[in-house]
C-alpha atoms as a PDB file:
ATOM      1  CA  MET A   1    -129.219-106.508  78.745  1.00  0.00           C
ATOM      2  CA  LEU A   2    -127.696-103.603  80.633  1.00  0.00           C
ATOM      3  CA  GLU A   3    -129.897-100.745  81.857  1.00  0.00           C
ATOM      4  CA  LEU A   4    -128.754 -97.294  82.979  1.00  0.00           C
ATOM      5  CA  ARG A   5    -130.595 -94.293  84.376  1.00  0.00           C
ATOM      6  CA  ILE A   6    -129.216 -90.775  84.268  1.00  0.00           C
ATOM      7  CA  ASN A   7    -130.355 -88.347  86.964  1.00  0.00           C
ATOM      8  CA  GLY A   8    -129.530 -84.696  86.411  1.00  0.00           C
ATOM      9  CA  PHE A   9    -130.880 -81.185  86.308  1.00  0.00           C
ATOM     10  CA  GLY A  10    -132.482 -79.702  83.194  1.00  0.00           C
ATOM     11  CA  GLY A  11    -129.806 -78.119  81.036  1.00  0.00           C
ATOM     12  CA  GLN A  12    -126.949 -80.434  82.115  1.00  0.00           C
ATOM     13  CA  GLY A  13    -127.265 -82.646  79.037  1.00  0.00           C
ATOM     14  CA  SER A  14    -128.865 -85.805  80.447  1.00  0.00           C
ATOM     15  CA  VAL A  15    -130.625 -86.584  77.162  1.00  0.00           C
ATOM     16  CA  THR A  16    -127.479 -85.979  75.094  1.00  0.00           C
ATOM     17  CA  LEU A  17    -125.552 -88.243  77.463  1.00  0.00           C
ATOM     18  CA  ALA A  18    -128.175 -90.981  76.962  1.00  0.00           C
ATOM     19  CA  HIS A  19    -127.880 -90.626  73.183  1.00  0.00           C
ATOM     20  CA  LEU A  20    -124.070 -90.748  73.335  1.00  0.00           C
ATOM     21  CA  LEU A  21    -124.138 -93.959  75.401  1.00  0.00           C
ATOM     22  CA  ALA A  22    -126.667 -95.623  73.090  1.00  0.00           C
ATOM     23  CA  GLN A  23    -124.598 -94.613  70.066  1.00  0.00           C
ATOM     24  CA  ALA A  24    -121.441 -95.960  71.706  1.00  0.00           C
ATOM     25  CA  ALA A  25    -123.189 -99.324  72.133  1.00  0.00           C
ATOM     26  CA  LEU A  26    -123.991 -99.295  68.402  1.00  0.00           C
ATOM     27  CA  GLU A  27    -120.399 -98.308  67.540  1.00  0.00           C
ATOM     28  CA  ASN A  28    -119.271-101.220  69.727  1.00  0.00           C
ATOM     29  CA  GLY A  29    -121.376-103.724  67.741  1.00  0.00           C
ATOM     30  CA  GLU A  30    -124.241-103.974  70.221  1.00  0.00           C
ATOM     31  CA  GLN A  31    -127.779-102.672  70.338  1.00  0.00           C
ATOM     32  CA  GLY A  32    -128.366 -99.336  72.045  1.00  0.00           C
ATOM     33  CA  GLN A  33    -131.510 -97.504  73.061  1.00  0.00           C
ATOM     34  CA  ALA A  34    -131.817 -93.996  74.534  1.00  0.00           C
ATOM     35  CA  LEU A  35    -134.980 -93.277  76.490  1.00  0.00           C
ATOM     36  CA  PRO A  36    -135.410 -89.604  77.345  1.00  0.00           C
ATOM     37  CA  PHE A  37    -138.119 -88.868  79.882  1.00  0.00           C
ATOM     38  CA  PHE A  38    -140.005 -85.688  79.175  1.00  0.00           C
ATOM     39  CA  GLY A  39    -142.573 -84.336  81.572  1.00  0.00           C
ATOM     40  CA  VAL A  40    -142.945 -80.810  82.843  1.00  0.00           C
ATOM     41  CA  GLU A  41    -139.177 -80.458  83.250  1.00  0.00           C
ATOM     42  CA  ARG A  42    -137.570 -77.096  82.885  1.00  0.00           C
ATOM     43  CA  ARG A  43    -134.021 -75.835  83.065  1.00  0.00           C
ATOM     44  CA  GLY A  44    -132.703 -76.500  86.560  1.00  0.00           C
ATOM     45  CA  ALA A  45    -135.426 -78.981  87.551  1.00  0.00           C
ATOM     46  CA  PRO A  46    -134.543 -82.635  88.247  1.00  0.00           C
ATOM     47  CA  VAL A  47    -134.722 -84.720  85.042  1.00  0.00           C
ATOM     48  CA  ARG A  48    -133.868 -88.251  83.996  1.00  0.00           C
ATOM     49  CA  ALA A  49    -133.109 -90.319  80.948  1.00  0.00           C
ATOM     50  CA  ALA A  50    -132.379 -94.004  80.490  1.00  0.00           C
ATOM     51  CA  VAL A  51    -130.239 -96.202  78.263  1.00  0.00           C
ATOM     52  CA  ARG A  52    -130.331 -99.864  77.346  1.00  0.00           C
ATOM     53  CA  MET A  53    -127.395-101.776  75.842  1.00  0.00           C
ATOM     54  CA  SER A  54    -127.451-105.377  74.703  1.00  0.00           C
ATOM     55  CA  PRO A  55    -125.635-107.744  72.356  1.00  0.00           C
ATOM     56  CA  ALA A  56    -129.110-108.973  71.291  1.00  0.00           C
ATOM     57  CA  THR A  57    -132.195-107.167  70.007  1.00  0.00           C
ATOM     58  CA  ILE A  58    -133.836-104.957  72.626  1.00  0.00           C
ATOM     59  CA  TYR A  59    -137.600-105.450  72.730  1.00  0.00           C
ATOM     60  CA  ALA A  60    -138.411-103.376  75.830  1.00  0.00           C
ATOM     61  CA  HIS A  61    -139.273 -99.712  75.233  1.00  0.00           C
ATOM     62  CA  SER A  62    -140.355 -98.637  78.717  1.00  0.00           C
ATOM     63  CA  GLN A  63    -138.375 -96.640  81.264  1.00  0.00           C
ATOM     64  CA  CYS A  64    -135.808 -98.522  83.346  1.00  0.00           C
ATOM     65  CA  GLU A  65    -137.231 -99.190  86.815  1.00  0.00           C
ATOM     66  CA  LEU A  66    -134.278-100.937  88.484  1.00  0.00           C
ATOM     67  CA  PRO A  67    -131.230-100.069  86.383  1.00  0.00           C
ATOM     68  CA  ASP A  68    -127.861-101.756  86.686  1.00  0.00           C
ATOM     69  CA  TYR A  69    -126.130 -98.350  86.703  1.00  0.00           C
ATOM     70  CA  VAL A  70    -127.237 -94.931  87.881  1.00  0.00           C
ATOM     71  CA  ILE A  71    -125.328 -91.898  86.620  1.00  0.00           C
ATOM     72  CA  VAL A  72    -125.748 -88.951  88.993  1.00  0.00           C
ATOM     73  CA  MET A  73    -124.920 -85.675  87.228  1.00  0.00           C
ATOM     74  CA  SER A  74    -124.938 -83.636  90.453  1.00  0.00           C
ATOM     75  CA  GLU A  75    -123.996 -84.791  93.937  1.00  0.00           C
ATOM     76  CA  LYS A  76    -127.095 -82.888  95.160  1.00  0.00           C
ATOM     77  CA  LEU A  77    -129.236 -85.554  93.464  1.00  0.00           C
ATOM     78  CA  THR A  78    -127.515 -88.584  94.983  1.00  0.00           C
ATOM     79  CA  GLU A  79    -130.121 -89.477  97.603  1.00  0.00           C
ATOM     80  CA  ALA A  80    -133.063 -88.924  95.240  1.00  0.00           C
ATOM     81  CA  ALA A  81    -131.393 -90.889  92.415  1.00  0.00           C
ATOM     82  CA  VAL A  82    -130.689 -93.926  94.572  1.00  0.00           C
ATOM     83  CA  SER A  83    -134.095 -93.852  96.275  1.00  0.00           C
ATOM     84  CA  GLU A  84    -135.736 -93.868  92.820  1.00  0.00           C
ATOM     85  CA  GLY A  85    -134.513 -97.444  92.480  1.00  0.00           C
ATOM     86  CA  ILE A  86    -131.443 -99.388  91.457  1.00  0.00           C
ATOM     87  CA  ASN A  87    -130.690-103.063  90.968  1.00  0.00           C
ATOM     88  CA  LYS A  88    -129.503-104.650  94.238  1.00  0.00           C
ATOM     89  CA  ASN A  89    -126.203-105.405  92.472  1.00  0.00           C
ATOM     90  CA  GLY A  90    -126.155-101.976  90.838  1.00  0.00           C
ATOM     91  CA  THR A  91    -123.398 -99.424  90.534  1.00  0.00           C
ATOM     92  CA  VAL A  92    -123.411 -95.634  90.885  1.00  0.00           C
ATOM     93  CA  ILE A  93    -121.341 -93.228  88.766  1.00  0.00           C
ATOM     94  CA  ILE A  94    -121.323 -89.775  90.333  1.00  0.00           C
ATOM     95  CA  ASN A  95    -120.108 -86.311  89.397  1.00  0.00           C
ATOM     96  CA  ALA A  96    -118.542 -84.900  92.539  1.00  0.00           C
ATOM     97  CA  PRO A  97    -115.383 -82.866  93.232  1.00  0.00           C
ATOM     98  CA  TYR A  98    -114.345 -85.265  96.001  1.00  0.00           C
ATOM     99  CA  PRO A  99    -114.710 -88.999  96.715  1.00  0.00           C
ATOM    100  CA  LEU A 100    -118.351 -89.649  97.596  1.00  0.00           C
ATOM    101  CA  LYS A 101    -119.404 -93.181  98.555  1.00  0.00           C
ATOM    102  CA  VAL A 102    -123.030 -94.226  98.153  1.00  0.00           C
ATOM    103  CA  GLU A 103    -124.100 -96.726 100.831  1.00  0.00           C
ATOM    104  CA  LYS A 104    -124.616-100.323  99.637  1.00  0.00           C
ATOM    105  CA  TYR A 105    -123.379 -99.754  96.075  1.00  0.00           C
ATOM    106  CA  PRO A 106    -120.028 -99.704  94.323  1.00  0.00           C
ATOM    107  CA  THR A 107    -119.470 -96.026  93.530  1.00  0.00           C
ATOM    108  CA  TRP A 108    -117.347 -94.463  90.794  1.00  0.00           C
ATOM    109  CA  GLN A 109    -116.522 -90.761  91.151  1.00  0.00           C
ATOM    110  CA  VAL A 110    -115.318 -88.210  88.614  1.00  0.00           C
ATOM    111  CA  ASP A 111    -115.088 -84.433  88.852  1.00  0.00           C
ATOM    112  CA  ALA A 112    -116.979 -83.749  85.605  1.00  0.00           C
ATOM    113  CA  ASP A 113    -117.504 -80.089  86.580  1.00  0.00           C
ATOM    114  CA  GLY A 114    -113.767 -79.584  87.047  1.00  0.00           C
ATOM    115  CA  ILE A 115    -112.901 -81.338  83.786  1.00  0.00           C
ATOM    116  CA  ALA A 116    -115.549 -79.416  81.817  1.00  0.00           C
ATOM    117  CA  GLY A 117    -114.259 -76.109  83.207  1.00  0.00           C
ATOM    118  CA  GLU A 118    -110.636 -77.005  82.506  1.00  0.00           C
ATOM    119  CA  LYS A 119    -111.452 -77.991  78.895  1.00  0.00           C
ATOM    120  CA  GLY A 120    -113.628 -74.917  78.251  1.00  0.00           C
ATOM    121  CA  LEU A 121    -116.977 -76.698  77.901  1.00  0.00           C
ATOM    122  CA  PHE A 122    -119.210 -73.755  78.831  1.00  0.00           C
ATOM    123  CA  SER A 123    -122.643 -72.607  77.749  1.00  0.00           C
ATOM    124  CA  ALA A 124    -124.574 -69.494  78.680  1.00  0.00           C
ATOM    125  CA  ASP A 125    -126.151 -71.506  81.520  1.00  0.00           C
ATOM    126  CA  GLY A 126    -123.083 -73.243  82.917  1.00  0.00           C
ATOM    127  CA  LEU A 127    -120.828 -76.205  82.274  1.00  0.00           C
ATOM    128  CA  PHE A 128    -121.400 -79.011  79.787  1.00  0.00           C
ATOM    129  CA  ILE A 129    -120.706 -81.998  82.024  1.00  0.00           C
ATOM    130  CA  ASN A 130    -122.332 -84.660  79.866  1.00  0.00           C
ATOM    131  CA  VAL A 131    -119.193 -85.271  77.765  1.00  0.00           C
ATOM    132  CA  PRO A 132    -116.888 -85.862  80.760  1.00  0.00           C
ATOM    133  CA  LEU A 133    -119.543 -88.134  82.258  1.00  0.00           C
ATOM    134  CA  PHE A 134    -119.726 -89.972  78.924  1.00  0.00           C
ATOM    135  CA  GLY A 135    -115.976 -90.609  79.124  1.00  0.00           C
ATOM    136  CA  ALA A 136    -116.247 -91.814  82.728  1.00  0.00           C
ATOM    137  CA  ALA A 137    -119.211 -94.071  81.932  1.00  0.00           C
ATOM    138  CA  CYS A 138    -117.354 -95.592  78.974  1.00  0.00           C
ATOM    139  CA  ARG A 139    -114.500 -96.567  81.283  1.00  0.00           C
ATOM    140  CA  VAL A 140    -116.813 -98.036  83.922  1.00  0.00           C
ATOM    141  CA  LEU A 141    -118.839 -99.937  81.286  1.00  0.00           C
ATOM    142  CA  ASN A 142    -115.671-101.219  79.551  1.00  0.00           C
ATOM    143  CA  ILE A 143    -116.481 -99.408  76.318  1.00  0.00           C
ATOM    144  CA  PRO A 144    -113.127 -99.046  74.539  1.00  0.00           C
ATOM    145  CA  GLY A 145    -111.583 -95.580  74.327  1.00  0.00           C
ATOM    146  CA  LYS A 146    -111.516 -95.799  70.519  1.00  0.00           C
ATOM    147  CA  VAL A 147    -115.285 -96.391  70.474  1.00  0.00           C
ATOM    148  CA  MET A 148    -115.796 -93.446  72.839  1.00  0.00           C
ATOM    149  CA  GLU A 149    -113.707 -91.215  70.573  1.00  0.00           C
ATOM    150  CA  GLN A 150    -115.487 -92.335  67.382  1.00  0.00           C
ATOM    151  CA  THR A 151    -118.868 -91.682  68.989  1.00  0.00           C
ATOM    152  CA  ILE A 152    -117.838 -88.109  69.821  1.00  0.00           C
ATOM    153  CA  LEU A 153    -116.440 -87.508  66.333  1.00  0.00           C
ATOM    154  CA  ASN A 154    -119.673 -88.816  64.792  1.00  0.00           C
ATOM    155  CA  LYS A 155    -121.736 -86.505  67.009  1.00  0.00           C
ATOM    156  CA  TRP A 156    -119.580 -83.420  66.384  1.00  0.00           C
ATOM    157  CA  PRO A 157    -117.823 -83.985  63.035  1.00  0.00           C
ATOM    158  CA  GLY A 158    -114.792 -81.766  62.637  1.00  0.00           C
ATOM    159  CA  ASN A 159    -115.391 -80.178  66.020  1.00  0.00           C
ATOM    160  CA  GLY A 160    -114.540 -82.832  68.567  1.00  0.00           C
ATOM    161  CA  GLY A 161    -111.441 -81.143  70.037  1.00  0.00           C
ATOM    162  CA  SER A 162    -112.509 -79.992  73.515  1.00  0.00           C
ATOM    163  CA  ASN A 163    -115.108 -82.743  73.755  1.00  0.00           C
ATOM    164  CA  LEU A 164    -112.511 -85.414  72.962  1.00  0.00           C
ATOM    165  CA  ASP A 165    -110.086 -83.918  75.481  1.00  0.00           C
ATOM    166  CA  ALA A 166    -112.743 -83.827  78.202  1.00  0.00           C
ATOM    167  CA  ALA A 167    -113.948 -87.380  77.553  1.00  0.00           C
ATOM    168  CA  ARG A 168    -110.385 -88.728  77.488  1.00  0.00           C
ATOM    169  CA  GLU A 169    -109.540 -86.928  80.740  1.00  0.00           C
ATOM    170  CA  ALA A 170    -112.633 -88.308  82.507  1.00  0.00           C
ATOM    171  CA  PHE A 171    -111.965 -91.796  81.089  1.00  0.00           C
ATOM    172  CA  LYS A 172    -108.578 -91.683  82.873  1.00  0.00           C
ATOM    173  CA  ALA A 173    -109.751 -89.820  85.998  1.00  0.00           C
ATOM    174  CA  VAL A 174    -112.833 -91.794  87.098  1.00  0.00           C
ATOM    175  CA  ARG A 175    -112.120 -93.737  90.297  1.00  0.00           C
ATOM    176  CA  LEU A 176    -113.807 -96.576  92.155  1.00  0.00           C
ATOM    177  CA  ILE A 177    -114.523 -95.224  95.647  1.00  0.00           C
ATOM    178  CA  GLY A 178    -115.927 -98.323  97.281  1.00  0.00           C
ATOM    179  CA  THR A 179    -117.704-101.612  96.799  1.00  0.00           C
END
């Protein structure tokens, strides 16, 4: 079983990202489970969500304590996200405009903000970075591009254009910074 935790700020789409990843697991013939964490979060406050993926039935329904992957939606949350816990053999996927290596862990970097802006993924509150991060995570997790695309089309039927473009761009752009 593979466990992921998503650390972001309220309004960035952490929960939607968790649902997209769980759905991609299902589209890929595996089991998927999205675990949003709701407390007293508000827009702009640190939030988290978790995802489990497995070829077998998933019986656990608790939050992920030591995930295999941590997705950091803002470089400002890097230290807090890693200190929250990660598997000793874990990997970090980070949204940053420049290569940012996290000590002790293989780190994948993508400029999700830049991609979202370039593809016109805006809301009244800012950029929708969850779709580019979904594309990057699919690449890192070896989820095929076709599965990524089908997941987006299922989520936004008939309206996947900019989302597909952003996910595809991030899928190609994500880079391993260090091991």
